[in-house]
């Protein structure tokens, strides 16, 4: 299932991972991104400002500050500012992520 037109007509962000689409809702001090993963993906370890997300569909295995957990449809996750994290994402994964910074993407 793709996001509806009211989402997919938002500006697309450049994500350096094959098979990923992201649609940006820009705020003055933050960003909200609607992600779609059309292929399996591996997110390398990285860190940035705080991030909160909710799984719309599919599955992600996140490792946050050394603790690994799998999140599925309806689950939410929080990544504190500066926390190192990585992930393994299955094709079909969709999430809505809030970034506590105006220029993440």
N, C-alpha and C. Protein backbone atom coordinates (compact mmCIF):
# COMPACT_ATOMS: atom_id res chain seq x y z
N UNK A 1 0.83 -1.18 0.00
CA UNK A 1 0.00 0.00 0.00
C UNK A 1 0.88 1.25 0.00
N UNK A 2 0.65 2.11 -0.93
CA UNK A 2 1.36 3.38 -1.01
C UNK A 2 0.63 4.42 -0.15
N UNK A 3 1.37 5.47 0.22
CA UNK A 3 0.72 6.58 0.90
C UNK A 3 -0.26 7.25 -0.07
N UNK A 4 -1.34 7.85 0.45
CA UNK A 4 -2.29 8.54 -0.44
C UNK A 4 -1.65 9.80 -1.02
N UNK A 5 -2.31 10.34 -2.04
CA UNK A 5 -1.80 11.52 -2.74
C UNK A 5 -1.51 12.71 -1.83
N UNK A 6 -2.30 12.88 -0.77
CA UNK A 6 -2.07 14.03 0.12
C UNK A 6 -0.70 13.93 0.79
N UNK A 7 -0.14 12.72 0.88
CA UNK A 7 1.21 12.53 1.42
C UNK A 7 2.23 12.52 0.29
N UNK A 8 1.98 11.72 -0.74
CA UNK A 8 2.98 11.56 -1.80
C UNK A 8 3.18 12.82 -2.65
N UNK A 9 2.30 13.81 -2.51
CA UNK A 9 2.53 15.08 -3.23
C UNK A 9 3.41 16.05 -2.43
N UNK A 10 3.75 15.68 -1.18
CA UNK A 10 4.69 16.49 -0.40
C UNK A 10 6.07 16.43 -1.06
N UNK A 11 6.94 17.38 -0.76
CA UNK A 11 8.29 17.33 -1.33
C UNK A 11 9.01 16.04 -0.94
N UNK A 12 9.68 15.43 -1.93
CA UNK A 12 10.46 14.22 -1.65
C UNK A 12 11.84 14.61 -1.15
N UNK A 13 12.34 13.81 -0.20
CA UNK A 13 13.68 14.04 0.32
C UNK A 13 14.65 13.09 -0.38
N UNK A 14 15.90 13.45 -0.38
CA UNK A 14 16.94 12.58 -0.92
C UNK A 14 17.46 11.66 0.18
N UNK A 15 17.17 10.38 0.04
CA UNK A 15 17.66 9.39 1.01
C UNK A 15 18.72 8.55 0.31
N UNK A 16 19.92 8.46 0.86
CA UNK A 16 21.01 7.75 0.18
C UNK A 16 20.94 6.23 0.33
N UNK A 17 19.73 5.68 0.35
CA UNK A 17 19.52 4.23 0.47
C UNK A 17 18.61 3.82 -0.68
N UNK A 18 19.03 2.85 -1.49
CA UNK A 18 18.19 2.42 -2.61
C UNK A 18 16.82 1.92 -2.16
N UNK A 19 15.79 2.28 -2.93
CA UNK A 19 14.45 1.78 -2.67
C UNK A 19 13.69 2.50 -1.57
N UNK A 20 14.18 3.66 -1.14
CA UNK A 20 13.51 4.39 -0.06
C UNK A 20 12.94 5.70 -0.61
N UNK A 21 11.69 5.95 -0.27
CA UNK A 21 11.06 7.24 -0.57
C UNK A 21 10.75 7.92 0.75
N UNK A 22 10.89 9.23 0.77
CA UNK A 22 10.54 10.00 1.95
C UNK A 22 9.83 11.27 1.53
N UNK A 23 8.74 11.57 2.20
CA UNK A 23 7.94 12.75 1.88
C UNK A 23 7.95 13.67 3.10
N UNK A 24 8.36 14.92 2.88
CA UNK A 24 8.69 15.85 3.95
C UNK A 24 7.58 16.85 4.25
N UNK A 25 7.26 16.97 5.53
CA UNK A 25 6.42 18.03 6.04
C UNK A 25 7.32 18.89 6.91
N UNK A 26 7.61 20.11 6.47
CA UNK A 26 8.60 20.97 7.11
C UNK A 26 7.97 21.91 8.12
N UNK A 27 8.52 21.91 9.32
CA UNK A 27 8.12 22.87 10.33
C UNK A 27 9.22 23.90 10.53
N UNK A 28 8.96 24.90 11.34
CA UNK A 28 9.96 25.93 11.59
C UNK A 28 11.17 25.37 12.33
N UNK A 29 10.93 24.48 13.31
CA UNK A 29 12.01 23.95 14.14
C UNK A 29 12.17 22.43 14.04
N UNK A 30 11.39 21.78 13.19
CA UNK A 30 11.40 20.32 13.13
C UNK A 30 10.92 19.83 11.78
N UNK A 31 11.03 18.52 11.57
CA UNK A 31 10.58 17.90 10.32
C UNK A 31 9.79 16.63 10.62
N UNK A 32 8.80 16.36 9.80
CA UNK A 32 8.04 15.12 9.85
C UNK A 32 8.22 14.46 8.49
N UNK A 33 8.65 13.19 8.49
CA UNK A 33 8.91 12.49 7.25
C UNK A 33 8.09 11.20 7.20
N UNK A 34 7.42 10.99 6.08
CA UNK A 34 6.68 9.76 5.80
C UNK A 34 7.60 8.88 4.95
N UNK A 35 8.10 7.79 5.52
CA UNK A 35 9.04 6.91 4.83
C UNK A 35 8.34 5.69 4.24
N UNK A 36 8.80 5.27 3.06
CA UNK A 36 8.39 4.03 2.41
C UNK A 36 9.66 3.28 1.99
N UNK A 37 9.79 2.05 2.40
CA UNK A 37 10.93 1.22 2.00
C UNK A 37 10.43 0.15 1.04
N UNK A 38 10.85 0.23 -0.21
CA UNK A 38 10.41 -0.70 -1.23
C UNK A 38 11.36 -1.88 -1.37
N UNK A 39 12.49 -1.83 -0.69
CA UNK A 39 13.48 -2.90 -0.69
C UNK A 39 13.97 -3.09 0.74
N UNK A 40 14.51 -4.28 1.04
CA UNK A 40 15.18 -4.47 2.32
C UNK A 40 16.32 -3.47 2.42
N UNK A 41 16.61 -3.00 3.61
CA UNK A 41 17.66 -1.99 3.77
C UNK A 41 18.38 -2.17 5.10
N UNK A 42 19.63 -1.76 5.11
CA UNK A 42 20.44 -1.73 6.33
C UNK A 42 20.82 -0.29 6.58
N UNK A 43 20.49 0.21 7.77
CA UNK A 43 20.88 1.57 8.16
C UNK A 43 22.16 1.47 8.97
N UNK A 44 23.24 2.07 8.50
CA UNK A 44 24.48 2.02 9.27
C UNK A 44 24.36 2.82 10.57
N UNK A 45 25.23 2.54 11.50
CA UNK A 45 25.24 3.24 12.78
C UNK A 45 25.46 4.73 12.55
N UNK A 46 24.65 5.54 13.20
CA UNK A 46 24.76 7.00 13.08
C UNK A 46 24.05 7.65 14.27
N UNK A 47 24.12 8.96 14.35
CA UNK A 47 23.42 9.71 15.40
C UNK A 47 23.03 11.08 14.87
N UNK A 48 22.07 11.69 15.52
CA UNK A 48 21.59 13.02 15.16
C UNK A 48 20.70 13.52 16.29
N UNK A 49 19.95 14.57 16.06
CA UNK A 49 19.02 15.08 17.07
C UNK A 49 17.94 14.05 17.37
N UNK A 50 17.11 14.32 18.36
CA UNK A 50 16.07 13.37 18.78
C UNK A 50 15.13 13.02 17.64
N UNK A 51 14.65 11.78 17.66
CA UNK A 51 13.74 11.26 16.64
C UNK A 51 12.68 10.40 17.33
N UNK A 52 11.43 10.60 16.95
CA UNK A 52 10.33 9.74 17.39
C UNK A 52 9.64 9.23 16.15
N UNK A 53 9.28 7.95 16.15
CA UNK A 53 8.61 7.39 14.98
C UNK A 53 7.54 6.39 15.37
N UNK A 54 6.64 6.17 14.42
CA UNK A 54 5.61 5.15 14.56
C UNK A 54 5.58 4.32 13.29
N UNK A 55 5.48 3.00 13.47
CA UNK A 55 5.45 2.08 12.34
C UNK A 55 4.04 2.04 11.77
N UNK A 56 3.92 2.37 10.49
CA UNK A 56 2.64 2.33 9.79
C UNK A 56 2.39 0.94 9.23
N UNK A 57 3.45 0.30 8.75
CA UNK A 57 3.35 -1.05 8.19
C UNK A 57 4.74 -1.68 8.17
N UNK A 58 4.79 -3.00 8.21
CA UNK A 58 6.05 -3.71 8.10
C UNK A 58 6.80 -3.84 9.40
N UNK A 59 8.12 -3.96 9.27
CA UNK A 59 8.96 -4.28 10.44
C UNK A 59 10.34 -3.64 10.32
N UNK A 60 10.85 -3.20 11.46
CA UNK A 60 12.21 -2.66 11.56
C UNK A 60 12.85 -3.24 12.81
N UNK A 61 14.10 -3.62 12.70
CA UNK A 61 14.88 -4.06 13.86
C UNK A 61 15.88 -2.94 14.14
N UNK A 62 15.64 -2.20 15.21
CA UNK A 62 16.47 -1.06 15.58
C UNK A 62 17.40 -1.42 16.74
N UNK A 63 18.62 -0.96 16.64
CA UNK A 63 19.55 -1.03 17.76
C UNK A 63 19.83 0.40 18.18
N UNK A 64 19.41 0.74 19.40
CA UNK A 64 19.56 2.10 19.93
C UNK A 64 20.43 2.02 21.17
N UNK A 65 21.57 2.67 21.13
CA UNK A 65 22.52 2.65 22.25
C UNK A 65 22.82 1.22 22.71
N UNK A 66 22.99 0.33 21.72
CA UNK A 66 23.37 -1.06 22.01
C UNK A 66 22.22 -1.99 22.35
N UNK A 67 21.01 -1.49 22.42
CA UNK A 67 19.85 -2.33 22.74
C UNK A 67 19.03 -2.56 21.47
N UNK A 68 18.86 -3.84 21.11
CA UNK A 68 18.13 -4.20 19.89
C UNK A 68 16.69 -4.57 20.21
N UNK A 69 15.77 -4.06 19.36
CA UNK A 69 14.36 -4.38 19.53
C UNK A 69 13.69 -4.33 18.15
N UNK A 70 12.70 -5.19 17.94
CA UNK A 70 11.94 -5.22 16.70
C UNK A 70 10.63 -4.47 16.90
N UNK A 71 10.31 -3.61 15.94
CA UNK A 71 9.09 -2.81 15.98
C UNK A 71 8.23 -3.17 14.77
N UNK A 72 6.92 -3.31 15.02
CA UNK A 72 5.96 -3.67 13.98
C UNK A 72 4.81 -2.67 13.97
N UNK A 73 3.90 -2.85 13.02
CA UNK A 73 2.76 -1.95 12.83
C UNK A 73 2.13 -1.54 14.16
N UNK A 74 2.04 -0.22 14.36
CA UNK A 74 1.44 0.33 15.57
C UNK A 74 2.42 0.63 16.68
N UNK A 75 3.64 0.08 16.59
CA UNK A 75 4.66 0.35 17.61
C UNK A 75 5.30 1.71 17.36
N UNK A 76 5.74 2.35 18.44
CA UNK A 76 6.49 3.60 18.30
C UNK A 76 7.85 3.43 18.95
N UNK A 77 8.78 4.27 18.53
CA UNK A 77 10.15 4.23 19.06
C UNK A 77 10.63 5.65 19.28
N UNK A 78 11.58 5.77 20.17
CA UNK A 78 12.18 7.08 20.46
C UNK A 78 13.69 6.92 20.49
N UNK A 79 14.38 7.79 19.76
CA UNK A 79 15.83 7.79 19.72
C UNK A 79 16.28 9.13 20.30
N UNK A 80 16.88 9.12 21.50
CA UNK A 80 17.32 10.38 22.11
C UNK A 80 18.39 11.08 21.28
N UNK A 81 18.49 12.37 21.43
CA UNK A 81 19.51 13.15 20.73
C UNK A 81 20.89 12.58 21.03
N UNK A 82 21.67 12.37 19.98
CA UNK A 82 23.04 11.90 20.11
C UNK A 82 23.19 10.40 20.30
N UNK A 83 22.09 9.65 20.44
CA UNK A 83 22.18 8.19 20.65
C UNK A 83 22.58 7.52 19.34
N UNK A 84 23.62 6.67 19.39
CA UNK A 84 24.00 5.91 18.21
C UNK A 84 22.94 4.85 17.97
N UNK A 85 22.54 4.72 16.70
CA UNK A 85 21.53 3.73 16.35
C UNK A 85 21.76 3.22 14.93
N UNK A 86 21.23 2.03 14.68
CA UNK A 86 21.30 1.40 13.36
C UNK A 86 20.05 0.56 13.19
N UNK A 87 19.84 0.04 11.99
CA UNK A 87 18.62 -0.73 11.78
C UNK A 87 18.68 -1.67 10.60
N UNK A 88 17.82 -2.67 10.66
CA UNK A 88 17.59 -3.57 9.55
C UNK A 88 16.10 -3.46 9.24
N UNK A 89 15.80 -3.10 7.99
CA UNK A 89 14.42 -2.78 7.62
C UNK A 89 13.96 -3.71 6.50
N UNK A 90 12.76 -4.23 6.65
CA UNK A 90 12.18 -5.13 5.65
C UNK A 90 11.45 -4.33 4.58
N UNK A 91 11.51 -4.83 3.33
CA UNK A 91 10.73 -4.22 2.25
C UNK A 91 9.27 -4.16 2.67
N UNK A 92 8.62 -3.05 2.33
CA UNK A 92 7.22 -2.85 2.72
C UNK A 92 7.07 -2.04 3.99
N UNK A 93 8.20 -1.72 4.65
CA UNK A 93 8.16 -0.92 5.88
C UNK A 93 7.74 0.50 5.55
N UNK A 94 6.84 1.03 6.39
CA UNK A 94 6.44 2.43 6.30
C UNK A 94 6.44 2.99 7.72
N UNK A 95 6.90 4.22 7.86
CA UNK A 95 6.92 4.87 9.16
C UNK A 95 6.72 6.36 9.00
N UNK A 96 6.27 6.96 10.08
CA UNK A 96 6.19 8.41 10.17
C UNK A 96 7.18 8.80 11.26
N UNK A 97 8.17 9.61 10.89
CA UNK A 97 9.23 9.99 11.83
C UNK A 97 9.26 11.49 12.03
N UNK A 98 9.35 11.88 13.30
CA UNK A 98 9.47 13.28 13.69
C UNK A 98 10.91 13.52 14.10
N UNK A 99 11.56 14.50 13.49
CA UNK A 99 12.94 14.85 13.80
C UNK A 99 12.97 16.21 14.48
N UNK A 100 13.63 16.28 15.62
CA UNK A 100 13.72 17.50 16.41
C UNK A 100 14.84 18.39 15.88
N UNK A 101 14.78 18.67 14.59
CA UNK A 101 15.71 19.59 13.97
C UNK A 101 15.11 20.03 12.63
N UNK A 102 15.35 21.26 12.25
CA UNK A 102 14.70 21.78 11.04
C UNK A 102 15.38 21.39 9.74
N UNK A 103 16.59 20.82 9.82
CA UNK A 103 17.36 20.59 8.60
C UNK A 103 17.91 19.18 8.49
N UNK A 104 17.22 18.20 9.05
CA UNK A 104 17.68 16.82 8.95
C UNK A 104 17.72 16.38 7.49
N UNK A 105 16.68 16.76 6.75
CA UNK A 105 16.62 16.42 5.30
C UNK A 105 16.39 17.67 4.49
